[in-house]
């Protein structure tokens, strides 16, 4: 907060924090959420923490330099949302929209053993079927749910699952003389941030029938969002580089 004040920033954001501080705050917040009272979540094996029981701002106030005046607490609301988004992107929580919505937390044994992967490092699972953050088992459930949602979304089209053929998309849809090549990406949370392999991007560049369908909240309330080829290609950026030094 002092650093934000010095720069005239009213509401600090996650990008204002050094990476080590960001990761420490995210790790501490995740462990705190994992310790709160919970009920069963619609996400298989996860815990659902009510907004009132989560009380992250109150915990920050008690343990991270408080007591803060109410004006400071209001200023921290944006940072709390950024931390939630960061944890969502890492596959550790899902925060429903709205102030009073619950927080869904990854299984408690994944956040309390002290041996989990540091939050600053994201596990990337890559297979012939595509790429995604997180563990392979969860990714498979998410992707299966997303594929099912895609077929429902394109109701009235004939569908052919080609996800195991390494052709650069997952489902071919046909309706009369029309044909679509749809790459399906599922995410467990709300944020539309996905991984595309080099092959998928190369096919998208060359194939005018290619498009992307991102299915958010895939495990509990699948919400498909179509993305045209040009928009998808404009949004991609290098994330991992392979150096073959053999």
C-alpha atoms as a PDB file:
ATOM      1  CA  UNK A   1       0.000   0.000   0.000  1.00  0.00           C
ATOM      2  CA  UNK A   2       2.868   2.377   0.753  1.00  0.00           C
ATOM      3  CA  UNK A   3       4.363   1.678  -2.671  1.00  0.00           C
ATOM      4  CA  UNK A   4       0.961   2.286  -4.286  1.00  0.00           C
ATOM      5  CA  UNK A   5       0.579   5.558  -2.410  1.00  0.00           C
ATOM      6  CA  UNK A   6       4.018   6.681  -3.533  1.00  0.00           C
ATOM      7  CA  UNK A   7       2.978   6.177  -7.170  1.00  0.00           C
ATOM      8  CA  UNK A   8      -0.460   7.675  -6.738  1.00  0.00           C
ATOM      9  CA  UNK A   9      -2.206   4.352  -7.378  1.00  0.00           C
ATOM     10  CA  UNK A  10      -5.626   4.259  -5.726  1.00  0.00           C
ATOM     11  CA  UNK A  11      -6.297   0.540  -6.070  1.00  0.00           C
ATOM     12  CA  UNK A  12      -3.176  -1.646  -6.338  1.00  0.00           C
ATOM     13  CA  UNK A  13      -3.298  -4.484  -8.869  1.00  0.00           C
ATOM     14  CA  UNK A  14      -1.480  -7.789  -8.959  1.00  0.00           C
ATOM     15  CA  UNK A  15       0.838  -6.473 -11.672  1.00  0.00           C
ATOM     16  CA  UNK A  16       2.021  -3.813  -9.216  1.00  0.00           C
ATOM     17  CA  UNK A  17       3.553  -6.531  -7.015  1.00  0.00           C
ATOM     18  CA  UNK A  18       6.996  -8.070  -7.551  1.00  0.00           C
ATOM     19  CA  UNK A  19       6.573 -11.649  -8.739  1.00  0.00           C
ATOM     20  CA  UNK A  20       7.883 -13.071  -5.456  1.00  0.00           C
ATOM     21  CA  UNK A  21       5.352 -11.028  -3.460  1.00  0.00           C
ATOM     22  CA  UNK A  22       2.544 -11.992  -5.833  1.00  0.00           C
ATOM     23  CA  UNK A  23       3.333 -15.688  -5.508  1.00  0.00           C
ATOM     24  CA  UNK A  24       3.699 -15.454  -1.733  1.00  0.00           C
ATOM     25  CA  UNK A  25       0.362 -13.658  -1.352  1.00  0.00           C
ATOM     26  CA  UNK A  26      -1.382 -16.126  -3.676  1.00  0.00           C
ATOM     27  CA  UNK A  27       0.114 -19.112  -1.836  1.00  0.00           C
ATOM     28  CA  UNK A  28      -0.841 -17.729   1.576  1.00  0.00           C
ATOM     29  CA  UNK A  29      -4.372 -16.891   0.418  1.00  0.00           C
ATOM     30  CA  UNK A  30      -4.846 -20.367  -1.076  1.00  0.00           C
ATOM     31  CA  UNK A  31      -3.743 -22.086   2.104  1.00  0.00           C
ATOM     32  CA  UNK A  32      -6.037 -19.841   4.104  1.00  0.00           C
ATOM     33  CA  UNK A  33      -9.016 -20.690   1.867  1.00  0.00           C
ATOM     34  CA  UNK A  34      -8.136 -24.380   2.175  1.00  0.00           C
ATOM     35  CA  UNK A  35      -8.406 -24.107   5.948  1.00  0.00           C
ATOM     36  CA  UNK A  36     -11.872 -22.525   6.014  1.00  0.00           C
ATOM     37  CA  UNK A  37     -15.174 -24.198   6.773  1.00  0.00           C
ATOM     38  CA  UNK A  38     -16.532 -25.805   3.632  1.00  0.00           C
ATOM     39  CA  UNK A  39     -19.243 -27.936   2.081  1.00  0.00           C
ATOM     40  CA  UNK A  40     -19.108 -30.278  -0.891  1.00  0.00           C
ATOM     41  CA  UNK A  41     -18.563 -28.482  -4.187  1.00  0.00           C
ATOM     42  CA  UNK A  42     -20.159 -29.285  -7.550  1.00  0.00           C
ATOM     43  CA  UNK A  43     -16.572 -29.589  -8.773  1.00  0.00           C
ATOM     44  CA  UNK A  44     -15.624 -33.236  -8.196  1.00  0.00           C
ATOM     45  CA  UNK A  45     -13.430 -33.574  -5.113  1.00  0.00           C
ATOM     46  CA  UNK A  46     -13.279 -29.818  -4.452  1.00  0.00           C
ATOM     47  CA  UNK A  47     -14.516 -27.810  -1.449  1.00  0.00           C
ATOM     48  CA  UNK A  48     -17.053 -25.007  -1.559  1.00  0.00           C
ATOM     49  CA  UNK A  49     -16.383 -22.097   0.807  1.00  0.00           C
ATOM     50  CA  UNK A  50     -19.139 -19.557   1.351  1.00  0.00           C
ATOM     51  CA  UNK A  51     -18.223 -15.934   0.716  1.00  0.00           C
ATOM     52  CA  UNK A  52     -18.853 -15.095   4.369  1.00  0.00           C
ATOM     53  CA  UNK A  53     -16.583 -17.931   5.516  1.00  0.00           C
ATOM     54  CA  UNK A  54     -13.865 -16.999   3.022  1.00  0.00           C
ATOM     55  CA  UNK A  55     -13.534 -13.404   4.284  1.00  0.00           C
ATOM     56  CA  UNK A  56     -10.158 -12.938   2.582  1.00  0.00           C
ATOM     57  CA  UNK A  57     -10.101  -9.185   3.116  1.00  0.00           C
ATOM     58  CA  UNK A  58     -10.758  -9.662   6.817  1.00  0.00           C
ATOM     59  CA  UNK A  59      -7.921 -12.195   6.988  1.00  0.00           C
ATOM     60  CA  UNK A  60      -5.570  -9.852   5.124  1.00  0.00           C
ATOM     61  CA  UNK A  61      -6.537  -7.142   7.596  1.00  0.00           C
ATOM     62  CA  UNK A  62      -5.773  -9.352  10.607  1.00  0.00           C
ATOM     63  CA  UNK A  63      -2.529 -10.904   9.377  1.00  0.00           C
ATOM     64  CA  UNK A  64      -0.949  -8.689   6.727  1.00  0.00           C
ATOM     65  CA  UNK A  65      -0.288  -5.415   8.482  1.00  0.00           C
ATOM     66  CA  UNK A  66      -3.721  -4.333   9.735  1.00  0.00           C
ATOM     67  CA  UNK A  67      -5.867  -3.170  11.276  1.00  0.00           C
ATOM     68  CA  UNK A  68      -6.648  -1.253   8.116  1.00  0.00           C
ATOM     69  CA  UNK A  69      -9.162   1.587   7.975  1.00  0.00           C
ATOM     70  CA  UNK A  70     -12.265   0.798   5.914  1.00  0.00           C
ATOM     71  CA  UNK A  71     -11.003   3.029   3.101  1.00  0.00           C
ATOM     72  CA  UNK A  72      -7.868   0.876   2.773  1.00  0.00           C
ATOM     73  CA  UNK A  73      -9.926  -2.309   2.802  1.00  0.00           C
ATOM     74  CA  UNK A  74     -12.004  -0.973  -0.093  1.00  0.00           C
ATOM     75  CA  UNK A  75      -8.794  -0.212  -1.976  1.00  0.00           C
ATOM     76  CA  UNK A  76      -7.701  -3.844  -1.557  1.00  0.00           C
ATOM     77  CA  UNK A  77     -10.855  -5.278  -3.159  1.00  0.00           C
ATOM     78  CA  UNK A  78      -9.371  -5.034  -6.646  1.00  0.00           C
ATOM     79  CA  UNK A  79      -6.197  -6.827  -5.556  1.00  0.00           C
ATOM     80  CA  UNK A  80      -8.284  -9.578  -3.967  1.00  0.00           C
ATOM     81  CA  UNK A  81     -10.081 -10.044  -7.277  1.00  0.00           C
ATOM     82  CA  UNK A  82      -6.734 -10.211  -9.079  1.00  0.00           C
ATOM     83  CA  UNK A  83      -5.469 -12.866  -6.654  1.00  0.00           C
ATOM     84  CA  UNK A  84      -8.663 -14.860  -7.208  1.00  0.00           C
ATOM     85  CA  UNK A  85      -8.163 -14.603 -10.982  1.00  0.00           C
ATOM     86  CA  UNK A  86      -4.532 -15.686 -10.612  1.00  0.00           C
ATOM     87  CA  UNK A  87      -5.488 -18.738  -8.564  1.00  0.00           C
ATOM     88  CA  UNK A  88      -8.311 -19.505 -11.000  1.00  0.00           C
ATOM     89  CA  UNK A  89      -5.861 -19.415 -13.898  1.00  0.00           C
ATOM     90  CA  UNK A  90      -3.603 -21.844 -12.050  1.00  0.00           C
ATOM     91  CA  UNK A  91      -6.531 -24.224 -11.537  1.00  0.00           C
ATOM     92  CA  UNK A  92      -6.457 -23.907  -7.726  1.00  0.00           C
ATOM     93  CA  UNK A  93      -9.811 -22.165  -7.177  1.00  0.00           C
ATOM     94  CA  UNK A  94     -12.945 -21.179  -9.031  1.00  0.00           C
ATOM     95  CA  UNK A  95     -14.652 -17.996  -7.900  1.00  0.00           C
ATOM     96  CA  UNK A  96     -18.220 -17.551  -9.036  1.00  0.00           C
ATOM     97  CA  UNK A  97     -19.101 -13.992 -10.138  1.00  0.00           C
ATOM     98  CA  UNK A  98     -20.645 -11.652  -7.586  1.00  0.00           C
ATOM     99  CA  UNK A  99     -19.727 -10.447  -4.108  1.00  0.00           C
ATOM    100  CA  UNK A 100     -21.696 -13.120  -2.243  1.00  0.00           C
ATOM    101  CA  UNK A 101     -20.790 -16.078  -4.466  1.00  0.00           C
ATOM    102  CA  UNK A 102     -18.859 -19.039  -3.013  1.00  0.00           C
ATOM    103  CA  UNK A 103     -15.250 -19.933  -3.725  1.00  0.00           C
ATOM    104  CA  UNK A 104     -14.495 -23.469  -4.919  1.00  0.00           C
ATOM    105  CA  UNK A 105     -11.098 -24.664  -3.677  1.00  0.00           C
ATOM    106  CA  UNK A 106      -8.965 -27.494  -5.035  1.00  0.00           C
ATOM    107  CA  UNK A 107      -8.849 -30.612  -2.817  1.00  0.00           C
ATOM    108  CA  UNK A 108      -7.445 -29.827   0.600  1.00  0.00           C
ATOM    109  CA  UNK A 109      -4.615 -32.359   0.290  1.00  0.00           C
ATOM    110  CA  UNK A 110      -3.382 -30.430  -2.728  1.00  0.00           C
ATOM    111  CA  UNK A 111      -2.956 -27.229  -0.749  1.00  0.00           C
ATOM    112  CA  UNK A 112      -1.886 -28.292   2.716  1.00  0.00           C
ATOM    113  CA  UNK A 113       0.885 -30.865   2.344  1.00  0.00           C
ATOM    114  CA  UNK A 114       3.656 -28.349   1.812  1.00  0.00           C
ATOM    115  CA  UNK A 115       4.863 -30.369  -1.183  1.00  0.00           C
ATOM    116  CA  UNK A 116       2.646 -28.917  -3.874  1.00  0.00           C
ATOM    117  CA  UNK A 117       4.068 -27.139  -6.879  1.00  0.00           C
ATOM    118  CA  UNK A 118       4.945 -23.479  -6.171  1.00  0.00           C
ATOM    119  CA  UNK A 119       2.242 -21.178  -7.488  1.00  0.00           C
ATOM    120  CA  UNK A 120       4.768 -19.267  -9.538  1.00  0.00           C
ATOM    121  CA  UNK A 121       5.261 -22.397 -11.640  1.00  0.00           C
ATOM    122  CA  UNK A 122       2.450 -23.755 -13.771  1.00  0.00           C
ATOM    123  CA  UNK A 123       2.345 -27.404 -14.759  1.00  0.00           C
ATOM    124  CA  UNK A 124       1.598 -27.756 -18.458  1.00  0.00           C
ATOM    125  CA  UNK A 125       0.247 -31.071 -19.719  1.00  0.00           C
ATOM    126  CA  UNK A 126       0.832 -31.599 -23.444  1.00  0.00           C
ATOM    127  CA  UNK A 127      -0.471 -34.565 -25.417  1.00  0.00           C
ATOM    128  CA  UNK A 128      -1.534 -35.327 -28.957  1.00  0.00           C
ATOM    129  CA  UNK A 129      -5.000 -34.120 -27.956  1.00  0.00           C
ATOM    130  CA  UNK A 130      -3.732 -30.665 -26.959  1.00  0.00           C
ATOM    131  CA  UNK A 131      -2.333 -28.770 -24.002  1.00  0.00           C
ATOM    132  CA  UNK A 132      -3.607 -27.399 -20.709  1.00  0.00           C
ATOM    133  CA  UNK A 133      -2.641 -26.205 -17.263  1.00  0.00           C
ATOM    134  CA  UNK A 134      -2.946 -28.497 -14.245  1.00  0.00           C
ATOM    135  CA  UNK A 135      -3.007 -32.226 -13.686  1.00  0.00           C
ATOM    136  CA  UNK A 136      -3.888 -34.714 -16.395  1.00  0.00           C
ATOM    137  CA  UNK A 137      -6.895 -36.242 -14.603  1.00  0.00           C
ATOM    138  CA  UNK A 138      -8.649 -32.927 -14.033  1.00  0.00           C
ATOM    139  CA  UNK A 139      -7.784 -31.743 -17.529  1.00  0.00           C
ATOM    140  CA  UNK A 140      -9.362 -34.862 -19.006  1.00  0.00           C
ATOM    141  CA  UNK A 141     -12.619 -34.302 -17.100  1.00  0.00           C
ATOM    142  CA  UNK A 142     -12.699 -30.666 -18.155  1.00  0.00           C
ATOM    143  CA  UNK A 143     -11.978 -31.450 -21.796  1.00  0.00           C
ATOM    144  CA  UNK A 144     -14.600 -34.227 -21.925  1.00  0.00           C
ATOM    145  CA  UNK A 145     -17.213 -31.875 -20.491  1.00  0.00           C
ATOM    146  CA  UNK A 146     -16.169 -29.184 -22.970  1.00  0.00           C
ATOM    147  CA  UNK A 147     -16.453 -31.561 -25.936  1.00  0.00           C
ATOM    148  CA  UNK A 148     -19.942 -32.577 -24.825  1.00  0.00           C
ATOM    149  CA  UNK A 149     -20.894 -28.897 -24.481  1.00  0.00           C
ATOM    150  CA  UNK A 150     -19.552 -28.169 -27.957  1.00  0.00           C
ATOM    151  CA  UNK A 151     -21.775 -30.824 -29.529  1.00  0.00           C
ATOM    152  CA  UNK A 152     -24.790 -29.379 -27.721  1.00  0.00           C
ATOM    153  CA  UNK A 153     -23.805 -25.840 -28.757  1.00  0.00           C
ATOM    154  CA  UNK A 154     -23.645 -26.854 -32.430  1.00  0.00           C
ATOM    155  CA  UNK A 155     -26.990 -28.631 -32.294  1.00  0.00           C
ATOM    156  CA  UNK A 156     -28.274 -29.429 -35.755  1.00  0.00           C
ATOM    157  CA  UNK A 157     -24.782 -30.071 -37.101  1.00  0.00           C
ATOM    158  CA  UNK A 158     -23.345 -33.540 -37.687  1.00  0.00           C
ATOM    159  CA  UNK A 159     -20.241 -33.983 -35.561  1.00  0.00           C
ATOM    160  CA  UNK A 160     -17.091 -36.084 -35.972  1.00  0.00           C
ATOM    161  CA  UNK A 161     -14.599 -36.289 -33.118  1.00  0.00           C
ATOM    162  CA  UNK A 162     -11.103 -36.009 -34.626  1.00  0.00           C
ATOM    163  CA  UNK A 163      -9.311 -35.022 -31.424  1.00  0.00           C
ATOM    164  CA  UNK A 164      -7.010 -38.070 -31.516  1.00  0.00           C
ATOM    165  CA  UNK A 165      -5.860 -37.513 -35.094  1.00  0.00           C
ATOM    166  CA  UNK A 166      -3.504 -34.589 -34.414  1.00  0.00           C
ATOM    167  CA  UNK A 167      -5.091 -32.610 -37.215  1.00  0.00           C
ATOM    168  CA  UNK A 168      -5.166 -29.273 -35.365  1.00  0.00           C
ATOM    169  CA  UNK A 169      -8.786 -29.235 -34.233  1.00  0.00           C
ATOM    170  CA  UNK A 170     -11.082 -31.433 -32.161  1.00  0.00           C
ATOM    171  CA  UNK A 171     -14.452 -31.732 -33.896  1.00  0.00           C
ATOM    172  CA  UNK A 172     -15.495 -31.497 -37.528  1.00  0.00           C
ATOM    173  CA  UNK A 173     -19.043 -30.184 -37.861  1.00  0.00           C
ATOM    174  CA  UNK A 174     -21.030 -30.551 -41.079  1.00  0.00           C
ATOM    175  CA  UNK A 175     -24.408 -29.191 -42.086  1.00  0.00           C
ATOM    176  CA  UNK A 176     -25.305 -29.585 -45.715  1.00  0.00           C
ATOM    177  CA  UNK A 177     -22.433 -28.106 -47.709  1.00  0.00           C
ATOM    178  CA  UNK A 178     -21.044 -26.238 -44.684  1.00  0.00           C
ATOM    179  CA  UNK A 179     -18.093 -27.552 -42.711  1.00  0.00           C
ATOM    180  CA  UNK A 180     -16.428 -26.235 -39.555  1.00  0.00           C
ATOM    181  CA  UNK A 181     -13.170 -27.301 -37.928  1.00  0.00           C
ATOM    182  CA  UNK A 182     -13.577 -26.458 -34.247  1.00  0.00           C
ATOM    183  CA  UNK A 183     -10.813 -26.550 -31.671  1.00  0.00           C
ATOM    184  CA  UNK A 184     -12.483 -27.005 -28.253  1.00  0.00           C
ATOM    185  CA  UNK A 185     -10.843 -25.692 -25.076  1.00  0.00           C
ATOM    186  CA  UNK A 186     -12.374 -26.228 -21.649  1.00  0.00           C
ATOM    187  CA  UNK A 187     -11.514 -24.354 -18.476  1.00  0.00           C
ATOM    188  CA  UNK A 188     -12.856 -24.974 -14.996  1.00  0.00           C
ATOM    189  CA  UNK A 189     -13.190 -21.302 -14.093  1.00  0.00           C
ATOM    190  CA  UNK A 190     -14.465 -18.105 -15.639  1.00  0.00           C
ATOM    191  CA  UNK A 191     -11.329 -16.819 -17.339  1.00  0.00           C
ATOM    192  CA  UNK A 192     -10.953 -17.478 -21.054  1.00  0.00           C
ATOM    193  CA  UNK A 193      -7.241 -18.208 -21.061  1.00  0.00           C
ATOM    194  CA  UNK A 194      -6.215 -21.375 -22.902  1.00  0.00           C
ATOM    195  CA  UNK A 195      -3.159 -23.047 -24.400  1.00  0.00           C
ATOM    196  CA  UNK A 196      -2.815 -23.729 -28.116  1.00  0.00           C
ATOM    197  CA  UNK A 197      -0.123 -26.046 -29.423  1.00  0.00           C
ATOM    198  CA  UNK A 198       2.179 -25.100 -32.282  1.00  0.00           C
ATOM    199  CA  UNK A 199       0.267 -27.502 -34.529  1.00  0.00           C
ATOM    200  CA  UNK A 200      -3.091 -25.949 -33.633  1.00  0.00           C
ATOM    201  CA  UNK A 201      -1.801 -22.463 -34.375  1.00  0.00           C
ATOM    202  CA  UNK A 202      -0.237 -23.572 -37.671  1.00  0.00           C
ATOM    203  CA  UNK A 203      -3.500 -25.177 -38.766  1.00  0.00           C
ATOM    204  CA  UNK A 204      -5.458 -22.078 -37.708  1.00  0.00           C
ATOM    205  CA  UNK A 205      -3.212 -19.932 -39.903  1.00  0.00           C
ATOM    206  CA  UNK A 206      -3.702 -22.174 -42.943  1.00  0.00           C
ATOM    207  CA  UNK A 207      -7.310 -23.355 -42.561  1.00  0.00           C
ATOM    208  CA  UNK A 208     -10.140 -20.834 -43.098  1.00  0.00           C
ATOM    209  CA  UNK A 209     -12.638 -23.337 -41.638  1.00  0.00           C
ATOM    210  CA  UNK A 210     -10.812 -23.405 -38.285  1.00  0.00           C
ATOM    211  CA  UNK A 211     -12.351 -21.736 -35.236  1.00  0.00           C
ATOM    212  CA  UNK A 212     -12.066 -21.920 -31.460  1.00  0.00           C
ATOM    213  CA  UNK A 213     -14.737 -22.700 -28.886  1.00  0.00           C
ATOM    214  CA  UNK A 214     -13.820 -21.916 -25.278  1.00  0.00           C
ATOM    215  CA  UNK A 215     -16.058 -23.577 -22.683  1.00  0.00           C
ATOM    216  CA  UNK A 216     -15.805 -21.927 -19.271  1.00  0.00           C
ATOM    217  CA  UNK A 217     -17.070 -23.472 -16.005  1.00  0.00           C
ATOM    218  CA  UNK A 218     -16.933 -26.750 -17.880  1.00  0.00           C
ATOM    219  CA  UNK A 219     -17.534 -29.034 -14.901  1.00  0.00           C
ATOM    220  CA  UNK A 220     -20.523 -27.309 -13.319  1.00  0.00           C
ATOM    221  CA  UNK A 221     -22.235 -25.009 -15.808  1.00  0.00           C
ATOM    222  CA  UNK A 222     -20.618 -25.240 -19.250  1.00  0.00           C
ATOM    223  CA  UNK A 223     -20.709 -21.888 -21.029  1.00  0.00           C
ATOM    224  CA  UNK A 224     -19.459 -22.027 -24.650  1.00  0.00           C
ATOM    225  CA  UNK A 225     -17.966 -18.906 -26.227  1.00  0.00           C
ATOM    226  CA  UNK A 226     -17.063 -19.057 -29.929  1.00  0.00           C
ATOM    227  CA  UNK A 227     -13.901 -17.291 -31.046  1.00  0.00           C
ATOM    228  CA  UNK A 228     -13.237 -16.712 -34.735  1.00  0.00           C
ATOM    229  CA  UNK A 229      -9.911 -17.609 -36.284  1.00  0.00           C
ATOM    230  CA  UNK A 230      -8.601 -14.050 -36.666  1.00  0.00           C
ATOM    231  CA  UNK A 231      -9.422 -13.151 -33.055  1.00  0.00           C
ATOM    232  CA  UNK A 232      -7.767 -16.299 -31.730  1.00  0.00           C
ATOM    233  CA  UNK A 233      -4.603 -15.787 -33.772  1.00  0.00           C
ATOM    234  CA  UNK A 234      -4.385 -12.131 -32.738  1.00  0.00           C
ATOM    235  CA  UNK A 235      -4.479 -13.168 -29.070  1.00  0.00           C
ATOM    236  CA  UNK A 236      -1.820 -15.899 -29.089  1.00  0.00           C
ATOM    237  CA  UNK A 237       1.679 -15.213 -27.809  1.00  0.00           C
ATOM    238  CA  UNK A 238       4.734 -17.446 -27.263  1.00  0.00           C
ATOM    239  CA  UNK A 239       4.610 -19.176 -23.886  1.00  0.00           C
ATOM    240  CA  UNK A 240       7.066 -22.087 -23.992  1.00  0.00           C
ATOM    241  CA  UNK A 241      10.065 -22.576 -26.251  1.00  0.00           C
ATOM    242  CA  UNK A 242      11.650 -25.921 -27.105  1.00  0.00           C
ATOM    243  CA  UNK A 243      15.408 -26.017 -27.617  1.00  0.00           C
ATOM    244  CA  UNK A 244      16.585 -29.243 -29.292  1.00  0.00           C
ATOM    245  CA  UNK A 245      20.319 -29.292 -28.568  1.00  0.00           C
ATOM    246  CA  UNK A 246      20.873 -32.915 -29.556  1.00  0.00           C
END
